[in-house]
Amino acid sequence: MTDRIRRAVDEKGIANVGRGPDHITDPVDPVPVVNIANALTVFRILLVPVFLVALFMESGESTLWRTIATVVFVVAALTDRYDGRIARERGLITDFGKMADPIADKALIGGALVGLSILGILPWWVTAVIVAREVWVTALRFWVLRHKVIPASRGGKLKTLLQAVAIGLYLAPLGGGWHLAADIVMGLAVVVTIYTGLDYTWQAIKVRSSTDTPDPEPAPHKRRAVGGTGAGR
């Protein structure tokens, strides 16, 4: 018993013996970069070339390969939904995840848009607007990276969701009104894409402005006269 008390004192100090864990003052173990949430993000990136190969098989005219491309795209898009949820629920949020998640989204969505435009399914101007926005936002992320990592916003997630739904409708070997539905959803996606791009630009400017502005110099301390001339001390 005495040895146990002595070891506790040596490890925690006499003031902390018998104290339970303090979730505010106790040090927090860092979140490992290698975790299930980041693994899903990396998996999404690896699915991009698989998706593109399936999309361009037989010049994109094969119903079978278009179906495979659609399935691969849907699986990759679903990982975007679950990697963020797992990271938040299990406390696995890392700076790597904050950066890799939007990059994975851009690789998947950008590859799909370019592929659809090459096949003549989607107008090139739509692809140009969305890709230009993504390149711009990526540049802004690196511009403010040294000061702050700005995660994807809810508007950015909505933008990605709308784009994914529209792309899925374009990819699926369906006819009739499905193509019109894809056009409508993609139109909404373009609007949200432009809006979130402007919003992210404003956030990045605020971050850089707050960090580049030098702190005001402290006012010099004034000496107080105590006891007049000091006579009689």
Protein backbone atom coordinates (compact mmCIF):
# COMPACT_ATOMS: atom_id res chain seq x y z
CA MET A 1 0.00 0.00 0.00
CA THR A 2 2.81 2.37 0.89
CA ASP A 3 4.63 1.57 -2.35
CA ARG A 4 1.46 2.26 -4.34
CA ILE A 5 1.01 5.68 -2.71
CA ARG A 6 4.68 6.49 -3.28
CA ARG A 7 4.38 5.63 -6.99
CA ALA A 8 1.25 7.77 -7.33
CA VAL A 9 3.04 10.72 -5.75
CA ASP A 10 6.04 10.27 -8.02
CA GLU A 11 3.84 10.13 -11.15
CA LYS A 12 1.26 12.85 -10.38
CA GLY A 13 2.65 14.93 -7.58
CA ILE A 14 1.24 15.21 -4.11
CA ALA A 15 -1.45 17.72 -5.14
CA ASN A 16 -2.88 15.45 -7.85
CA VAL A 17 -3.05 12.16 -5.92
CA GLY A 18 -6.57 10.77 -6.12
CA ARG A 19 -7.66 13.30 -8.75
CA GLY A 20 -9.66 11.96 -11.67
CA PRO A 21 -9.02 12.95 -15.29
CA ASP A 22 -9.54 16.61 -16.10
CA HIS A 23 -10.77 16.97 -19.69
CA ILE A 24 -9.88 20.66 -19.75
CA THR A 25 -6.39 20.83 -18.28
CA ASP A 26 -5.08 17.35 -19.02
CA PRO A 27 -3.15 17.00 -22.31
CA VAL A 28 -5.15 15.56 -25.21
CA ASP A 29 -3.72 12.74 -27.29
CA PRO A 30 -3.25 13.86 -30.91
CA VAL A 31 -5.58 12.34 -33.50
CA PRO A 32 -3.66 9.86 -35.70
CA VAL A 33 -3.56 10.74 -39.40
CA VAL A 34 -4.03 7.08 -40.32
CA ASN A 35 -7.67 6.47 -39.40
CA ILE A 36 -10.85 5.13 -41.02
CA ALA A 37 -12.12 8.56 -42.07
CA ASN A 38 -8.91 9.49 -43.90
CA ALA A 39 -8.74 5.99 -45.38
CA LEU A 40 -12.15 6.52 -47.00
CA THR A 41 -10.96 9.85 -48.39
CA VAL A 42 -7.86 8.24 -49.93
CA PHE A 43 -10.03 5.39 -51.26
CA ARG A 44 -12.21 7.98 -53.03
CA ILE A 45 -9.13 9.42 -54.73
CA LEU A 46 -8.04 5.95 -55.88
CA LEU A 47 -11.47 5.29 -57.39
CA VAL A 48 -11.16 8.26 -59.76
CA PRO A 49 -8.96 6.55 -62.39
CA VAL A 50 -11.08 3.40 -62.16
CA PHE A 51 -14.18 5.48 -62.85
CA LEU A 52 -12.60 7.25 -65.83
CA VAL A 53 -11.44 4.02 -67.42
CA ALA A 54 -14.96 2.58 -67.18
CA LEU A 55 -16.48 5.81 -68.54
CA PHE A 56 -14.36 5.86 -71.70
CA MET A 57 -14.61 2.16 -72.50
CA GLU A 58 -16.05 1.69 -76.00
CA SER A 59 -16.19 5.48 -76.42
CA GLY A 60 -18.77 5.77 -73.64
CA GLU A 61 -21.47 4.09 -75.73
CA SER A 62 -21.58 0.73 -73.95
CA THR A 63 -24.55 0.37 -71.62
CA LEU A 64 -22.61 -2.11 -69.48
CA TRP A 65 -19.57 0.11 -69.02
CA ARG A 66 -21.69 3.21 -68.44
CA THR A 67 -23.50 1.29 -65.72
CA ILE A 68 -20.18 0.25 -64.18
CA ALA A 69 -18.94 3.84 -64.34
CA THR A 70 -22.13 5.01 -62.64
CA VAL A 71 -21.79 2.45 -59.85
CA VAL A 72 -18.14 3.35 -59.23
CA PHE A 73 -19.02 7.05 -59.16
CA VAL A 74 -21.88 6.48 -56.70
CA VAL A 75 -19.64 4.43 -54.39
CA ALA A 76 -16.97 7.14 -54.47
CA ALA A 77 -19.56 9.84 -53.82
CA LEU A 78 -20.94 7.91 -50.83
CA THR A 79 -17.50 7.83 -49.22
CA ASP A 80 -17.63 11.63 -49.21
CA ARG A 81 -20.78 11.46 -47.11
CA TYR A 82 -19.48 8.95 -44.59
CA ASP A 83 -15.85 9.97 -44.11
CA GLY A 84 -16.89 13.34 -42.71
CA ARG A 85 -19.59 11.84 -40.50
CA ILE A 86 -17.20 9.24 -39.09
CA ALA A 87 -14.54 11.88 -38.46
CA ARG A 88 -16.98 14.06 -36.51
CA GLU A 89 -18.64 11.26 -34.53
CA ARG A 90 -15.37 9.53 -33.54
CA GLY A 91 -13.26 12.64 -33.05
CA LEU A 92 -10.98 11.80 -35.99
CA ILE A 93 -10.82 15.28 -37.55
CA THR A 94 -7.29 16.08 -38.74
CA ASP A 95 -5.69 18.82 -40.81
CA PHE A 96 -4.90 16.16 -43.42
CA GLY A 97 -8.59 15.27 -43.63
CA LYS A 98 -9.61 18.92 -43.91
CA MET A 99 -7.31 19.32 -46.90
CA ALA A 100 -7.63 15.87 -48.52
CA ASP A 101 -11.45 15.72 -48.40
CA PRO A 102 -12.09 18.69 -50.71
CA ILE A 103 -9.20 17.61 -52.95
CA ALA A 104 -10.78 14.17 -53.31
CA ASP A 105 -14.10 15.82 -54.16
CA LYS A 106 -12.46 17.98 -56.81
CA ALA A 107 -10.65 15.02 -58.37
CA LEU A 108 -13.84 12.97 -58.61
CA ILE A 109 -16.19 15.74 -59.73
CA GLY A 110 -13.65 17.37 -62.02
CA GLY A 111 -12.76 14.10 -63.71
CA ALA A 112 -16.43 13.28 -64.23
CA LEU A 113 -17.22 16.71 -65.67
CA VAL A 114 -14.31 16.65 -68.11
CA GLY A 115 -15.17 13.10 -69.12
CA LEU A 116 -18.81 13.97 -69.78
CA SER A 117 -17.79 17.02 -71.82
CA ILE A 118 -15.33 14.98 -73.91
CA LEU A 119 -18.15 12.54 -74.67
CA GLY A 120 -20.39 15.46 -75.70
CA ILE A 121 -22.92 14.87 -72.90
CA LEU A 122 -22.26 18.04 -70.91
CA PRO A 123 -21.54 21.53 -72.36
CA TRP A 124 -17.94 22.60 -71.95
CA TRP A 125 -18.87 25.97 -70.45
CA VAL A 126 -20.43 24.22 -67.44
CA THR A 127 -17.26 22.22 -66.91
CA ALA A 128 -15.14 25.35 -67.34
CA VAL A 129 -17.10 27.34 -64.71
CA ILE A 130 -17.01 24.56 -62.12
CA VAL A 131 -13.37 23.58 -62.70
CA ALA A 132 -12.25 27.23 -62.65
CA ARG A 133 -14.01 27.71 -59.31
CA GLU A 134 -12.36 24.60 -57.86
CA VAL A 135 -8.90 25.65 -59.03
CA TRP A 136 -9.45 29.12 -57.58
CA VAL A 137 -10.61 27.79 -54.21
CA THR A 138 -7.69 25.35 -54.07
CA ALA A 139 -5.30 28.23 -54.67
CA LEU A 140 -6.99 30.17 -51.87
CA ARG A 141 -6.62 27.20 -49.52
CA PHE A 142 -2.87 27.18 -50.04
CA TRP A 143 -2.80 30.98 -49.74
CA VAL A 144 -4.21 30.82 -46.20
CA LEU A 145 -2.82 27.39 -45.23
CA ARG A 146 0.00 28.86 -43.12
CA HIS A 147 -2.50 30.85 -41.10
CA LYS A 148 -5.60 28.65 -40.93
CA VAL A 149 -7.17 25.57 -42.51
CA ILE A 150 -10.65 26.51 -43.69
CA PRO A 151 -12.77 23.34 -43.89
CA ALA A 152 -15.49 22.74 -46.42
CA SER A 153 -18.63 24.69 -45.52
CA ARG A 154 -22.23 23.50 -45.63
CA GLY A 155 -22.68 25.41 -48.85
CA GLY A 156 -19.68 23.62 -50.29
CA LYS A 157 -21.17 20.27 -49.28
CA LEU A 158 -24.48 21.23 -50.91
CA LYS A 159 -22.62 22.23 -54.05
CA THR A 160 -20.85 18.87 -54.14
CA LEU A 161 -24.12 17.00 -53.54
CA LEU A 162 -25.93 18.79 -56.38
CA GLN A 163 -23.02 18.21 -58.74
CA ALA A 164 -22.85 14.53 -57.80
CA VAL A 165 -26.58 14.00 -58.33
CA ALA A 166 -26.49 15.74 -61.70
CA ILE A 167 -23.43 13.78 -62.82
CA GLY A 168 -25.03 10.53 -61.70
CA LEU A 169 -28.10 11.31 -63.82
CA TYR A 170 -25.90 12.12 -66.83
CA LEU A 171 -23.86 8.94 -66.37
CA ALA A 172 -26.74 6.51 -65.99
CA PRO A 173 -27.77 4.99 -69.33
CA LEU A 174 -31.26 6.44 -69.05
CA GLY A 175 -33.29 8.39 -71.57
CA GLY A 176 -36.36 10.57 -71.73
CA GLY A 177 -36.94 13.05 -68.93
CA TRP A 178 -33.90 11.94 -66.93
CA HIS A 179 -31.61 14.07 -69.06
CA LEU A 180 -33.84 17.10 -68.47
CA ALA A 181 -33.74 16.41 -64.74
CA ALA A 182 -29.93 16.27 -64.96
CA ASP A 183 -29.89 19.67 -66.71
CA ILE A 184 -32.06 21.24 -63.98
CA VAL A 185 -29.99 19.85 -61.11
CA MET A 186 -26.76 20.88 -62.82
CA GLY A 187 -28.14 24.40 -63.29
CA LEU A 188 -28.74 24.65 -59.54
CA ALA A 189 -25.27 23.23 -58.93
CA VAL A 190 -23.67 25.94 -61.07
CA VAL A 191 -25.46 28.68 -59.11
CA VAL A 192 -24.38 27.25 -55.74
CA THR A 193 -20.88 26.68 -57.10
CA ILE A 194 -20.45 30.35 -57.99
CA TYR A 195 -21.96 31.56 -54.72
CA THR A 196 -19.76 29.35 -52.53
CA GLY A 197 -16.70 30.36 -54.52
CA LEU A 198 -17.38 34.03 -53.76
CA ASP A 199 -18.05 33.19 -50.09
CA TYR A 200 -14.81 31.26 -49.76
CA THR A 201 -12.91 34.14 -51.36
CA TRP A 202 -14.32 36.50 -48.74
CA GLN A 203 -13.36 34.12 -45.91
CA ALA A 204 -9.81 33.79 -47.22
CA ILE A 205 -9.42 37.57 -47.52
CA LYS A 206 -10.62 38.00 -43.92
CA VAL A 207 -8.15 35.37 -42.67
CA ARG A 208 -5.21 37.02 -44.43
CA SER A 209 -6.28 40.51 -43.41
CA SER A 210 -6.50 39.52 -39.74
CA THR A 211 -3.10 37.84 -39.77
CA ASP A 212 -1.25 40.39 -41.91
CA THR A 213 -2.36 43.39 -39.85
CA PRO A 214 0.38 44.17 -37.31
CA ASP A 215 -0.64 44.41 -33.68
CA PRO A 216 -0.74 47.99 -32.39
CA GLU A 217 2.27 48.98 -30.32
CA PRO A 218 1.52 49.19 -26.63
CA ALA A 219 1.38 52.68 -25.20
CA PRO A 220 4.45 53.64 -23.17
CA HIS A 221 3.97 53.33 -19.43
CA LYS A 222 3.70 56.62 -17.62
CA ARG A 223 5.67 57.06 -14.44
CA ARG A 224 3.62 58.18 -11.51
CA ALA A 225 5.02 60.70 -9.08
CA VAL A 226 4.74 59.34 -5.58
CA GLY A 227 5.23 61.58 -2.58
CA GLY A 228 5.98 64.80 -4.48
CA THR A 229 9.73 65.49 -4.71
CA GLY A 230 10.55 62.74 -2.32
CA ALA A 231 11.50 65.06 0.50
CA GLY A 232 10.87 63.71 3.97
CA ARG A 233 11.12 60.03 2.88
